C-alpha cells in the first residue's frame, strides 16, 4: 500500500508541476508574444458650442444695423458659424450688399464670409453676380471668386472667372471676360 500511495503522490505532484509549468509557459508566451494596444486618446477640439435652426442674427452699433445674417440652420463653433441656407446683408458701407448661398462659414474675428453653392451677390444699386463659390471680407468690402461667374447690371452682362469686386471703391478685377455692354450716348 505504501508503494501505491507513493506512486499516487508522485503522480499528483507531477500533474501539479506540469500544470504550473504550462501556466508559466502560457504567461511567457502572452508576455513576449502579444504587444499592447496603442490606443491614443481622442481630442475633440472642433466641437460645436450650440446648434440653432431658422435664425436671424443682428449686429448693431451706435449708427444702427451693420449686419443681418439669416439662415435655416447653423452650428456655432468658438471661432465661426457654419450656416445652411445663408442670407447675409452688410450695411456697413455706402451700398448695402446682400449675399445668399446654400452654405456659408462666417468667422467673427476676421470678419470673413465663405460662401458655397448657388452664390448670389446683390448690391442695392442693381449690381448682381452669380457664381458657385465666393468669399467676402467685411473689413475691406471685397468679394472674391475663383470660379466662373455671371455679372448683371441693368441690361449689361459680363461673364468670366477670378472676380475680385471691391464694394467700397466700386472696382472690379477679373480674367477671361466676355461682356455684353450697351454704351449710352453722351449729350
Protein backbone atom coordinates (compact mmCIF):
# COMPACT_ATOMS: atom_id res chain seq x y z
CA UNK A 1 0.00 0.00 0.00
CA UNK A 2 2.75 2.34 0.70
CA UNK A 3 4.17 1.82 -2.77
CA UNK A 4 0.83 2.60 -4.38
CA UNK A 5 0.38 5.61 -2.13
CA UNK A 6 3.79 6.98 -3.00
CA UNK A 7 3.10 6.46 -6.74
CA UNK A 8 -0.18 8.33 -6.32
CA UNK A 9 1.56 11.19 -4.60
CA UNK A 10 4.27 11.18 -7.28
CA UNK A 11 1.59 11.34 -10.00
CA UNK A 12 -0.24 14.02 -8.09
CA UNK A 13 2.93 16.09 -7.59
CA UNK A 14 3.87 15.55 -11.22
CA UNK A 15 0.49 16.75 -12.51
CA UNK A 16 0.65 19.88 -10.30
CA UNK A 17 4.17 20.59 -11.59
CA UNK A 18 3.02 20.16 -15.19
CA UNK A 19 0.06 22.40 -14.50
CA UNK A 20 2.23 25.21 -13.09
CA UNK A 21 4.85 24.83 -15.85
CA UNK A 22 2.14 25.06 -18.51
CA UNK A 23 0.64 28.17 -16.83
CA UNK A 24 4.10 29.75 -16.58
CA UNK A 25 4.80 28.93 -20.26
CA UNK A 26 1.46 30.40 -21.32
CA UNK A 27 2.18 33.60 -19.38
CA UNK A 28 5.61 33.90 -21.01
CA UNK A 29 4.04 33.48 -24.46
CA UNK A 30 1.48 36.18 -23.66
CA UNK A 31 4.16 38.49 -22.24
CA UNK A 32 6.56 38.20 -25.19
CA UNK A 33 4.12 37.32 -27.97
CA UNK A 34 1.46 39.99 -27.66
CA UNK A 35 2.04 43.70 -27.91
CA UNK A 36 -0.18 46.11 -26.02
CA UNK A 37 -2.71 48.12 -27.98
CA UNK A 38 -1.55 51.61 -28.85
CA UNK A 39 -4.72 53.49 -28.02
CA UNK A 40 -4.37 57.23 -28.48
CA UNK A 41 -6.76 59.46 -26.61
CA UNK A 42 -9.12 61.32 -28.91
CA UNK A 43 -9.09 65.08 -28.79
CA UNK A 44 -12.30 66.81 -29.72
CA UNK A 45 -11.08 70.31 -30.50
CA UNK A 46 -13.72 71.26 -33.03
CA UNK A 47 -16.97 70.63 -31.21
CA UNK A 48 -19.93 72.95 -31.85
CA UNK A 49 -20.90 75.15 -28.94
CA UNK A 50 -24.57 75.07 -29.96
CA UNK A 51 -26.88 74.41 -32.90
CA UNK A 52 -29.75 76.65 -33.97
CA UNK A 53 -32.47 76.39 -36.60
CA UNK A 54 -34.16 79.21 -38.52
CA UNK A 55 -32.39 82.19 -37.01
CA UNK A 56 -31.74 85.90 -37.55
CA UNK A 57 -28.56 87.49 -36.20
CA UNK A 58 -28.37 91.29 -35.89
CA UNK A 59 -25.12 93.23 -35.44
CA UNK A 60 -25.71 96.76 -34.19
CA UNK A 61 -23.56 99.78 -33.37
CA UNK A 62 -24.31 103.43 -32.47
CA UNK A 63 -25.37 104.22 -36.05
CA UNK A 64 -27.77 101.28 -36.27
CA UNK A 65 -27.86 97.94 -38.06
CA UNK A 66 -24.49 96.89 -39.51
CA UNK A 67 -25.02 93.23 -40.34
CA UNK A 68 -28.01 90.98 -40.71
CA UNK A 69 -27.47 87.22 -41.08
CA UNK A 70 -30.29 84.73 -41.54
CA UNK A 71 -30.15 81.00 -42.02
CA UNK A 72 -32.08 77.76 -42.00
CA UNK A 73 -29.64 76.00 -39.67
CA UNK A 74 -26.32 76.91 -38.03
CA UNK A 75 -23.64 75.36 -35.90
CA UNK A 76 -21.80 77.81 -33.68
CA UNK A 77 -18.15 76.98 -33.00
CA UNK A 78 -15.80 79.05 -30.85
CA UNK A 79 -14.50 80.98 -33.87
CA UNK A 80 -17.18 80.69 -36.57
CA UNK A 81 -20.73 79.96 -37.64
CA UNK A 82 -21.35 77.18 -40.19
CA UNK A 83 -24.68 78.06 -41.82
CA UNK A 84 -27.05 76.28 -44.22
CA UNK A 85 -29.36 78.47 -46.30
CA UNK A 86 -27.33 81.62 -45.63
CA UNK A 87 -28.71 85.11 -46.27
CA UNK A 88 -26.16 87.77 -45.25
CA UNK A 89 -26.58 91.56 -45.54
CA UNK A 90 -23.73 94.02 -44.99
CA UNK A 91 -24.99 97.52 -44.22
CA UNK A 92 -21.65 98.97 -43.12
CA UNK A 93 -20.70 100.66 -46.44
CA UNK A 94 -22.18 103.18 -48.86
CA UNK A 95 -24.08 100.50 -50.73
CA UNK A 96 -25.89 97.68 -48.95
CA UNK A 97 -24.63 94.29 -50.14
CA UNK A 98 -26.68 91.10 -49.79
CA UNK A 99 -25.21 87.62 -50.28
CA UNK A 100 -27.08 84.33 -50.43
CA UNK A 101 -25.74 80.80 -50.67
CA UNK A 102 -26.62 77.20 -49.93
CA UNK A 103 -23.85 77.05 -47.31
CA UNK A 104 -21.60 79.57 -45.61
CA UNK A 105 -18.97 79.96 -42.93
CA UNK A 106 -18.82 83.27 -41.06
CA UNK A 107 -15.69 83.95 -38.99
CA UNK A 108 -16.19 86.58 -36.28
CA UNK A 109 -12.60 87.64 -35.63
CA UNK A 110 -11.56 88.02 -39.29
CA UNK A 111 -14.97 89.31 -40.38
CA UNK A 112 -14.89 86.96 -43.37
CA UNK A 113 -17.62 85.01 -45.03
CA UNK A 114 -17.01 81.93 -47.21
CA UNK A 115 -19.96 81.09 -49.45
CA UNK A 116 -20.53 77.80 -51.26
CA UNK A 117 -23.30 76.66 -53.61
CA UNK A 118 -25.56 78.90 -55.71
CA UNK A 119 -23.96 82.14 -54.54
CA UNK A 120 -25.90 85.33 -55.34
CA UNK A 121 -24.32 88.73 -54.59
CA UNK A 122 -26.77 91.62 -54.87
CA UNK A 123 -25.94 95.27 -54.26
CA UNK A 124 -28.67 97.87 -53.69
CA UNK A 125 -27.70 99.89 -56.81
CA UNK A 126 -28.57 96.93 -59.06
CA UNK A 127 -25.23 95.13 -59.43
CA UNK A 128 -25.71 91.35 -59.23
CA UNK A 129 -23.32 88.45 -59.72
CA UNK A 130 -23.85 84.71 -59.54
CA UNK A 131 -21.22 82.02 -59.01
CA UNK A 132 -20.65 78.63 -57.32
CA UNK A 133 -18.33 79.79 -54.53
CA UNK A 134 -17.14 83.13 -53.18
CA UNK A 135 -15.58 84.80 -50.18
CA UNK A 136 -16.32 88.20 -48.69
CA UNK A 137 -14.17 90.27 -46.36
CA UNK A 138 -16.28 92.71 -44.37
CA UNK A 139 -13.29 94.85 -43.29
CA UNK A 140 -12.15 95.53 -46.86
CA UNK A 141 -15.56 95.11 -48.56
CA UNK A 142 -14.00 92.82 -51.18
CA UNK A 143 -15.84 89.84 -52.67
CA UNK A 144 -13.71 87.20 -54.43
CA UNK A 145 -14.44 84.15 -56.53
CA UNK A 146 -12.06 81.86 -58.38
CA UNK A 147 -14.95 80.20 -60.20
CA UNK A 148 -16.84 81.25 -63.31
CA UNK A 149 -19.37 83.99 -62.71
CA UNK A 150 -22.10 86.00 -64.42
CA UNK A 151 -22.40 89.69 -63.50
CA UNK A 152 -25.50 91.77 -64.31
CA UNK A 153 -26.34 95.43 -64.10
CA UNK A 154 -29.45 96.56 -65.93
CA UNK A 155 -29.11 95.04 -69.45
CA UNK A 156 -25.31 94.74 -69.24
CA UNK A 157 -23.91 91.22 -68.77
CA UNK A 158 -20.31 90.22 -68.02
CA UNK A 159 -19.03 86.64 -67.71
CA UNK A 160 -15.55 85.50 -66.70
CA UNK A 161 -13.61 83.94 -63.85
CA UNK A 162 -11.40 85.06 -60.94
CA UNK A 163 -13.57 88.00 -59.99
CA UNK A 164 -12.48 90.50 -57.33
CA UNK A 165 -15.13 93.08 -56.56
CA UNK A 166 -14.46 95.98 -54.17
CA UNK A 167 -17.80 97.27 -52.84
CA UNK A 168 -16.20 100.30 -51.16
CA UNK A 169 -14.23 101.56 -54.21
CA UNK A 170 -16.73 100.19 -56.77
CA UNK A 171 -13.92 98.48 -58.74
CA UNK A 172 -13.92 95.11 -60.47
CA UNK A 173 -10.96 92.92 -61.49
CA UNK A 174 -11.44 89.74 -63.49
CA UNK A 175 -9.95 87.33 -66.04
CA UNK A 176 -11.32 85.88 -69.28
CA UNK A 177 -14.04 88.49 -69.62
CA UNK A 178 -16.84 88.37 -72.17
CA UNK A 179 -19.09 91.44 -71.92
CA UNK A 180 -22.36 92.46 -73.50
CA UNK A 181 -22.48 96.15 -72.70
CA UNK A 182 -24.70 98.94 -74.01
CA UNK A 183 -22.96 102.26 -74.39
CA UNK A 184 -25.05 105.31 -73.65
CA UNK A 185 -24.79 108.39 -75.76
CA UNK A 186 -23.50 111.48 -74.05
CA UNK A 187 -25.22 114.80 -74.55
